[in-house]
N, C-alpha and C. Protein backbone atom coordinates (compact mmCIF):
# COMPACT_ATOMS: atom_id res chain seq x y z
N MET A 1 87.72 87.77 80.04
CA MET A 1 88.91 87.50 80.83
C MET A 1 88.57 87.71 82.29
N GLY A 2 88.56 86.66 83.10
CA GLY A 2 88.20 86.74 84.50
C GLY A 2 89.43 86.84 85.38
N SER A 3 89.24 87.39 86.56
CA SER A 3 90.34 87.49 87.50
C SER A 3 90.51 86.17 88.24
N ALA A 4 91.61 86.07 88.97
CA ALA A 4 91.86 84.84 89.73
C ALA A 4 90.77 84.62 90.77
N SER A 5 90.31 85.70 91.40
CA SER A 5 89.27 85.53 92.41
C SER A 5 87.97 85.07 91.77
N ASP A 6 87.68 85.53 90.55
CA ASP A 6 86.49 85.06 89.84
C ASP A 6 86.59 83.56 89.57
N GLU A 7 87.78 83.13 89.18
CA GLU A 7 87.99 81.71 88.89
C GLU A 7 87.87 80.89 90.17
N ASN A 8 88.42 81.41 91.28
CA ASN A 8 88.31 80.69 92.56
C ASN A 8 86.86 80.57 92.98
N PHE A 9 86.10 81.64 92.85
CA PHE A 9 84.69 81.61 93.22
C PHE A 9 83.94 80.63 92.32
N SER A 10 84.28 80.62 91.05
CA SER A 10 83.65 79.70 90.12
C SER A 10 83.92 78.26 90.53
N ASP A 11 85.18 77.96 90.90
CA ASP A 11 85.52 76.61 91.35
C ASP A 11 84.76 76.26 92.63
N TYR A 12 84.63 77.23 93.53
CA TYR A 12 83.90 77.00 94.77
C TYR A 12 82.45 76.65 94.47
N ARG A 13 81.85 77.41 93.57
CA ARG A 13 80.44 77.16 93.23
C ARG A 13 80.26 75.79 92.59
N LYS A 14 81.25 75.34 91.85
CA LYS A 14 81.17 74.02 91.20
C LYS A 14 81.40 72.90 92.20
N GLY A 15 81.83 73.24 93.40
CA GLY A 15 82.07 72.22 94.41
C GLY A 15 83.48 71.66 94.37
N ASN A 16 84.36 72.26 93.58
CA ASN A 16 85.74 71.77 93.49
C ASN A 16 86.61 72.24 94.65
N MET A 17 86.17 73.30 95.34
CA MET A 17 86.96 73.85 96.43
C MET A 17 86.02 74.22 97.57
N THR A 18 86.59 74.28 98.77
CA THR A 18 85.82 74.80 99.89
C THR A 18 86.07 76.30 99.98
N LEU A 19 85.24 77.00 100.71
CA LEU A 19 85.41 78.44 100.84
C LEU A 19 86.76 78.77 101.49
N GLY A 20 87.19 77.99 102.47
CA GLY A 20 88.49 78.21 103.12
C GLY A 20 89.64 78.10 102.14
N GLN A 21 89.57 77.13 101.23
CA GLN A 21 90.62 76.99 100.23
C GLN A 21 90.62 78.18 99.29
N THR A 22 89.46 78.69 98.95
CA THR A 22 89.38 79.84 98.06
C THR A 22 90.04 81.04 98.71
N LYS A 23 89.73 81.31 99.97
CA LYS A 23 90.33 82.43 100.68
C LYS A 23 91.83 82.24 100.82
N SER A 24 92.27 81.04 101.15
CA SER A 24 93.69 80.77 101.33
C SER A 24 94.47 81.02 100.05
N SER A 25 93.95 80.54 98.94
CA SER A 25 94.67 80.72 97.69
C SER A 25 94.67 82.17 97.26
N ALA A 26 93.59 82.90 97.54
CA ALA A 26 93.54 84.32 97.20
C ALA A 26 94.54 85.10 98.04
N VAL A 27 94.59 84.81 99.35
CA VAL A 27 95.53 85.49 100.24
C VAL A 27 96.96 85.12 99.85
N GLY A 28 97.18 83.86 99.53
CA GLY A 28 98.51 83.43 99.10
C GLY A 28 98.96 84.14 97.83
N GLY A 29 98.04 84.34 96.91
CA GLY A 29 98.37 85.06 95.68
C GLY A 29 98.70 86.51 95.95
N ILE A 30 97.96 87.13 96.85
CA ILE A 30 98.23 88.52 97.22
C ILE A 30 99.59 88.61 97.89
N ASP A 31 99.87 87.69 98.82
CA ASP A 31 101.17 87.67 99.50
C ASP A 31 102.31 87.55 98.50
N ASP A 32 102.17 86.63 97.56
CA ASP A 32 103.22 86.43 96.55
C ASP A 32 103.43 87.68 95.71
N ASN A 33 102.34 88.31 95.29
CA ASN A 33 102.46 89.52 94.48
C ASN A 33 103.12 90.66 95.24
N LEU A 34 102.75 90.83 96.51
CA LEU A 34 103.36 91.88 97.32
C LEU A 34 104.85 91.63 97.53
N ARG A 35 105.21 90.39 97.81
CA ARG A 35 106.63 90.06 97.98
C ARG A 35 107.41 90.36 96.70
N ARG A 36 106.84 90.01 95.56
CA ARG A 36 107.50 90.24 94.28
C ARG A 36 107.72 91.74 94.03
N VAL A 37 106.70 92.54 94.30
CA VAL A 37 106.80 93.98 94.08
C VAL A 37 107.85 94.59 95.02
N PHE A 38 107.79 94.24 96.31
CA PHE A 38 108.74 94.82 97.26
C PHE A 38 110.15 94.34 96.99
N GLN A 39 110.34 93.10 96.59
CA GLN A 39 111.68 92.61 96.29
C GLN A 39 112.26 93.34 95.08
N THR A 40 111.42 93.58 94.08
CA THR A 40 111.87 94.33 92.91
C THR A 40 112.34 95.71 93.31
N THR A 41 111.60 96.35 94.22
CA THR A 41 111.97 97.68 94.70
C THR A 41 113.29 97.63 95.48
N LEU A 42 113.46 96.62 96.31
CA LEU A 42 114.70 96.49 97.07
C LEU A 42 115.91 96.26 96.17
N ASP A 43 115.70 95.57 95.07
CA ASP A 43 116.78 95.25 94.15
C ASP A 43 117.21 96.43 93.28
N GLU A 44 116.40 97.48 93.23
CA GLU A 44 116.73 98.63 92.39
C GLU A 44 117.92 99.39 92.98
N ASP A 45 118.77 99.92 92.10
CA ASP A 45 119.88 100.76 92.53
C ASP A 45 119.37 102.13 92.94
N VAL A 46 120.09 102.74 93.87
CA VAL A 46 119.79 104.12 94.25
C VAL A 46 120.31 105.01 93.12
N PRO A 47 119.49 105.92 92.61
CA PRO A 47 119.95 106.79 91.52
C PRO A 47 121.17 107.62 91.94
N ASP A 48 122.06 107.87 91.00
CA ASP A 48 123.27 108.64 91.27
C ASP A 48 122.95 110.01 91.87
N ARG A 49 121.87 110.61 91.42
CA ARG A 49 121.48 111.92 91.93
C ARG A 49 121.25 111.87 93.44
N PHE A 50 120.59 110.81 93.91
CA PHE A 50 120.35 110.67 95.34
C PHE A 50 121.65 110.42 96.10
N LYS A 51 122.54 109.63 95.50
CA LYS A 51 123.83 109.37 96.14
C LYS A 51 124.60 110.68 96.29
N ASP A 52 124.57 111.52 95.26
CA ASP A 52 125.25 112.82 95.33
C ASP A 52 124.66 113.70 96.41
N LEU A 53 123.32 113.72 96.51
CA LEU A 53 122.67 114.53 97.54
C LEU A 53 123.04 114.03 98.94
N LEU A 54 123.07 112.72 99.13
CA LEU A 54 123.46 112.17 100.42
C LEU A 54 124.90 112.53 100.78
N LYS A 55 125.77 112.49 99.79
CA LYS A 55 127.17 112.86 100.01
C LYS A 55 127.28 114.32 100.43
N GLN A 56 126.52 115.20 99.77
CA GLN A 56 126.52 116.62 100.12
C GLN A 56 126.03 116.83 101.55
N LEU A 57 124.97 116.12 101.93
CA LEU A 57 124.45 116.24 103.30
C LEU A 57 125.46 115.75 104.33
N GLN A 58 126.15 114.67 104.03
CA GLN A 58 127.17 114.16 104.95
C GLN A 58 128.31 115.16 105.12
N GLU A 59 128.69 115.80 104.01
CA GLU A 59 129.76 116.81 104.08
C GLU A 59 129.32 118.00 104.91
N GLN A 60 128.06 118.42 104.72
CA GLN A 60 127.54 119.54 105.51
C GLN A 60 127.53 119.19 107.00
N ASP A 61 127.12 117.97 107.31
CA ASP A 61 127.09 117.54 108.71
C ASP A 61 128.49 117.52 109.31
N SER A 62 129.46 117.03 108.55
CA SER A 62 130.83 116.96 109.08
C SER A 62 131.41 118.35 109.29
N HIS A 63 131.09 119.30 108.39
CA HIS A 63 131.57 120.67 108.55
C HIS A 63 130.86 121.36 109.71
N ALA A 64 129.61 121.10 109.89
CA ALA A 64 128.84 121.74 110.96
C ALA A 64 129.27 121.23 112.33
N SER A 65 129.66 119.97 112.43
CA SER A 65 130.04 119.41 113.73
C SER A 65 131.52 119.63 114.03
N ALA A 66 132.33 120.02 113.06
CA ALA A 66 133.76 120.22 113.27
C ALA A 66 134.05 121.29 114.32
N PRO A 67 133.42 122.48 114.31
CA PRO A 67 133.70 123.47 115.36
C PRO A 67 133.32 122.97 116.75
N ASP A 68 132.26 122.21 116.87
CA ASP A 68 131.86 121.66 118.16
C ASP A 68 132.92 120.73 118.71
N GLN A 69 133.53 119.95 117.85
CA GLN A 69 134.55 119.00 118.29
C GLN A 69 135.78 119.74 118.76
N GLN A 70 136.15 120.84 118.12
CA GLN A 70 137.32 121.62 118.52
C GLN A 70 137.09 122.30 119.86
N GLU A 71 135.89 122.78 120.13
CA GLU A 71 135.58 123.46 121.37
C GLU A 71 135.67 122.51 122.56
N HIS A 72 135.35 121.25 122.33
CA HIS A 72 135.35 120.27 123.42
C HIS A 72 136.65 119.50 123.51
N GLY A 73 137.63 119.89 122.70
CA GLY A 73 138.95 119.23 122.74
C GLY A 73 138.96 117.89 122.08
N GLU A 74 138.08 117.67 121.13
CA GLU A 74 138.03 116.38 120.42
C GLU A 74 138.79 116.46 119.12
């Protein structure tokens, strides 16, 4: 079982492709794979545990800044 780059090199050696085409298709394949991985990550939901932690931090921030707002007449 050969990798895509092995197959591209094999095609290049057979004269079916130029070296530039081999590099372009390899880079294009890497680009496509990276986009797919990152898009999958972006599409994932934030776990409820993280949402709860963020909510707790926001509440702490609002309580911590409340005395400052009263001192300045806000």
